[in-house]
C-alpha atoms as a PDB file:
ATOM      1  CA  MET A   1      83.435  89.171 113.692  1.00  0.00           C
ATOM      2  CA  PRO A   2      85.703  86.135 113.269  1.00  0.00           C
ATOM      3  CA  SER A   3      86.485  84.225 116.413  1.00  0.00           C
ATOM      4  CA  HIS A   4      87.682  80.559 115.302  1.00  0.00           C
ATOM      5  CA  ALA A   5      90.863  78.838 114.453  1.00  0.00           C
ATOM      6  CA  LEU A   6      90.843  79.836 110.793  1.00  0.00           C
ATOM      7  CA  ASP A   7      90.211  83.389 111.742  1.00  0.00           C
ATOM      8  CA  GLN A   8      93.024  83.248 113.912  1.00  0.00           C
ATOM      9  CA  ARG A   9      95.603  82.088 111.481  1.00  0.00           C
ATOM     10  CA  LEU A  10      94.038  84.843 109.280  1.00  0.00           C
ATOM     11  CA  PHE A  11      94.875  87.353 111.844  1.00  0.00           C
ATOM     12  CA  GLU A  12      98.207  86.119 112.433  1.00  0.00           C
ATOM     13  CA  ARG A  13      99.042  85.738 108.417  1.00  0.00           C
ATOM     14  CA  THR A  14      97.941  89.561 107.688  1.00  0.00           C
ATOM     15  CA  ASN A  15     100.132  90.994 111.061  1.00  0.00           C
ATOM     16  CA  SER A  16     102.871  89.019 109.493  1.00  0.00           C
ATOM     17  CA  LEU A  17     102.810  90.887 106.253  1.00  0.00           C
ATOM     18  CA  THR A  18     105.520  93.613 107.360  1.00  0.00           C
ATOM     19  CA  ASP A  19     108.658  93.654 109.474  1.00  0.00           C
ATOM     20  CA  GLU A  20     109.650  95.528 112.075  1.00  0.00           C
ATOM     21  CA  ASN A  21     110.523  98.266 109.569  1.00  0.00           C
ATOM     22  CA  ASP A  22     107.189  98.229 107.902  1.00  0.00           C
ATOM     23  CA  SER A  23     108.684  96.273 104.783  1.00  0.00           C
ATOM     24  CA  ILE A  24     105.818  94.687 102.948  1.00  0.00           C
ATOM     25  CA  LEU A  25     106.668  90.648 102.966  1.00  0.00           C
ATOM     26  CA  ALA A  26     104.125  89.738 100.485  1.00  0.00           C
ATOM     27  CA  SER A  27     103.317  89.798  97.143  1.00  0.00           C
ATOM     28  CA  PRO A  28     100.277  91.044  95.468  1.00  0.00           C
ATOM     29  CA  GLN A  29      99.301  87.417  94.890  1.00  0.00           C
ATOM     30  CA  ASP A  30      99.634  86.458  98.446  1.00  0.00           C
ATOM     31  CA  GLY A  31      97.253  89.528  99.016  1.00  0.00           C
ATOM     32  CA  VAL A  32      94.682  88.266  96.573  1.00  0.00           C
ATOM     33  CA  GLU A  33      94.692  85.028  98.432  1.00  0.00           C
ATOM     34  CA  LEU A  34      94.451  86.613 101.891  1.00  0.00           C
ATOM     35  CA  ILE A  35      91.690  88.832 100.797  1.00  0.00           C
ATOM     36  CA  ASP A  36      89.629  86.231  99.249  1.00  0.00           C
ATOM     37  CA  ASN A  37      90.072  84.020 102.702  1.00  0.00           C
ATOM     38  CA  TRP A  38      88.854  87.269 104.435  1.00  0.00           C
ATOM     39  CA  LEU A  39      86.055  87.740 101.977  1.00  0.00           C
ATOM     40  CA  ARG A  40      84.943  84.254 102.895  1.00  0.00           C
ATOM     41  CA  VAL A  41      84.771  85.151 106.864  1.00  0.00           C
ATOM     42  CA  ILE A  42      82.848  88.312 106.499  1.00  0.00           C
ATOM     43  CA  ALA A  43      80.615  87.500 104.047  1.00  0.00           C
ATOM     44  CA  GLY A  44      77.260  88.202 105.012  1.00  0.00           C
ATOM     45  CA  ASP A  45      78.158  90.108 108.094  1.00  0.00           C
ATOM     46  CA  ASN A  46      76.048  93.387 108.016  1.00  0.00           C
ATOM     47  CA  SER A  47      78.762  95.125 110.095  1.00  0.00           C
ATOM     48  CA  THR A  48      81.439  94.588 107.746  1.00  0.00           C
ATOM     49  CA  GLN A  49      79.691  95.274 104.247  1.00  0.00           C
ATOM     50  CA  LEU A  50      82.059  98.723 103.570  1.00  0.00           C
ATOM     51  CA  ILE A  51      85.019  96.477 104.592  1.00  0.00           C
ATOM     52  CA  GLU A  52      84.004  93.711 102.117  1.00  0.00           C
ATOM     53  CA  GLU A  53      83.243  96.295  99.358  1.00  0.00           C
ATOM     54  CA  GLN A  54      86.648  98.037  99.784  1.00  0.00           C
ATOM     55  CA  LEU A  55      88.655  94.437  99.928  1.00  0.00           C
ATOM     56  CA  LYS A  56      86.675  93.582  96.809  1.00  0.00           C
ATOM     57  CA  GLU A  57      88.143  97.003  95.389  1.00  0.00           C
ATOM     58  CA  LEU A  58      91.622  95.926  96.601  1.00  0.00           C
ATOM     59  CA  ARG A  59      91.452  92.570  95.295  1.00  0.00           C
ATOM     60  CA  SER A  60      90.812  93.662  91.514  1.00  0.00           C
ATOM     61  CA  GLU A  61      93.590  96.222  92.036  1.00  0.00           C
ATOM     62  CA  LEU A  62      96.004  93.819  93.063  1.00  0.00           C
ATOM     63  CA  THR A  63      95.198  91.684  89.912  1.00  0.00           C
ATOM     64  CA  LEU A  64      95.966  94.162  87.413  1.00  0.00           C
ATOM     65  CA  GLU A  65      99.403  93.679  85.637  1.00  0.00           C
ATOM     66  CA  THR A  66     100.435  96.936  87.334  1.00  0.00           C
ATOM     67  CA  PRO A  67      98.334  98.000  90.436  1.00  0.00           C
ATOM     68  CA  ASP A  68      97.908 101.514  90.815  1.00  0.00           C
ATOM     69  CA  ASP A  69     100.001 102.335  94.479  1.00  0.00           C
ATOM     70  CA  ASP A  70      98.466 105.305  95.120  1.00  0.00           C
ATOM     71  CA  ARG A  71      95.010 103.503  94.929  1.00  0.00           C
ATOM     72  CA  VAL A  72      96.421 100.451  96.697  1.00  0.00           C
ATOM     73  CA  ARG A  73      97.503 102.757  99.863  1.00  0.00           C
ATOM     74  CA  GLY A  74      94.332 104.465  99.766  1.00  0.00           C
ATOM     75  CA  LEU A  75      92.293 101.479  99.916  1.00  0.00           C
ATOM     76  CA  LEU A  76      94.544 100.042 102.806  1.00  0.00           C
ATOM     77  CA  ARG A  77      94.349 103.264 104.507  1.00  0.00           C
ATOM     78  CA  ASP A  78      90.719 102.976 104.467  1.00  0.00           C
ATOM     79  CA  LEU A  79      90.379  99.562 105.128  1.00  0.00           C
ATOM     80  CA  GLY A  80      92.571 100.036 108.530  1.00  0.00           C
ATOM     81  CA  ASP A  81      90.182 103.038 109.606  1.00  0.00           C
ATOM     82  CA  ASN A  82      86.962 101.058 108.964  1.00  0.00           C
ATOM     83  CA  THR A  83      88.308  97.872 110.706  1.00  0.00           C
ATOM     84  CA  ALA A  84      89.248 100.414 113.914  1.00  0.00           C
ATOM     85  CA  LEU A  85      85.545 101.368 113.578  1.00  0.00           C
ATOM     86  CA  VAL A  86      84.259  97.769 113.697  1.00  0.00           C
ATOM     87  CA  ALA A  87      86.855  97.264 116.754  1.00  0.00           C
ATOM     88  CA  GLN A  88      85.007  99.972 118.723  1.00  0.00           C
ATOM     89  CA  SER A  89      81.526  98.475 117.617  1.00  0.00           C
ATOM     90  CA  ARG A  90      79.523  97.199 120.861  1.00  0.00           C
ATOM     91  CA  ASN A  91      78.982  93.939 119.620  1.00  0.00           C
ATOM     92  CA  VAL A  92      82.797  93.094 119.557  1.00  0.00           C
ATOM     93  CA  GLN A  93      84.202  91.053 122.484  1.00  0.00           C
ATOM     94  CA  GLU A  94      87.313  92.627 123.800  1.00  0.00           C
ATOM     95  CA  PRO A  95      89.803  89.712 122.615  1.00  0.00           C
ATOM     96  CA  THR A  96      88.353  90.524 119.187  1.00  0.00           C
ATOM     97  CA  ALA A  97      88.490  94.065 119.370  1.00  0.00           C
ATOM     98  CA  LYS A  98      92.399  93.878 120.321  1.00  0.00           C
ATOM     99  CA  LYS A  99      92.994  91.598 117.084  1.00  0.00           C
ATOM    100  CA  LEU A 100      90.847  94.168 115.192  1.00  0.00           C
ATOM    101  CA  ASP A 101      93.129  97.046 116.732  1.00  0.00           C
ATOM    102  CA  ASP A 102      96.426  95.193 115.743  1.00  0.00           C
ATOM    103  CA  LEU A 103      94.634  94.161 112.229  1.00  0.00           C
ATOM    104  CA  ALA A 104      94.107  98.098 111.616  1.00  0.00           C
ATOM    105  CA  PHE A 105      97.481  99.057 112.516  1.00  0.00           C
ATOM    106  CA  THR A 106      98.997  96.675 110.149  1.00  0.00           C
ATOM    107  CA  LEU A 107      96.889  97.755 107.416  1.00  0.00           C
ATOM    108  CA  ARG A 108      97.760 101.459 107.978  1.00  0.00           C
ATOM    109  CA  SER A 109     101.451 100.333 108.126  1.00  0.00           C
ATOM    110  CA  LEU A 110     100.996  98.504 104.737  1.00  0.00           C
ATOM    111  CA  ALA A 111      99.517 101.912 103.249  1.00  0.00           C
ATOM    112  CA  GLY A 112     102.518 104.026 104.547  1.00  0.00           C
ATOM    113  CA  MET A 113     101.094 105.502 107.433  1.00  0.00           C
END
């Protein structure tokens, strides 16, 4: 999983998408840009293949003129769940696991959970 400075900024940027009341602080276009960056980071990593597919689905949904809110929430929830699973993997070091758990929490918050 990611560990260099660019990836750190992605974690920080993703975790700042909501405020203390879980209000979303980004536009769909911001989300697409962030997804594109995450896709570059995880490309080719077998442990994140399902996440990559879900990110691509979410990206497609966000590019629609009127994204389906239920579909977006479902994808964010699934991404949160799958990110938490990756965090629990034996191959993930503790500092990265913590970042992934925080990311999973943010994704679930964005989904309204």
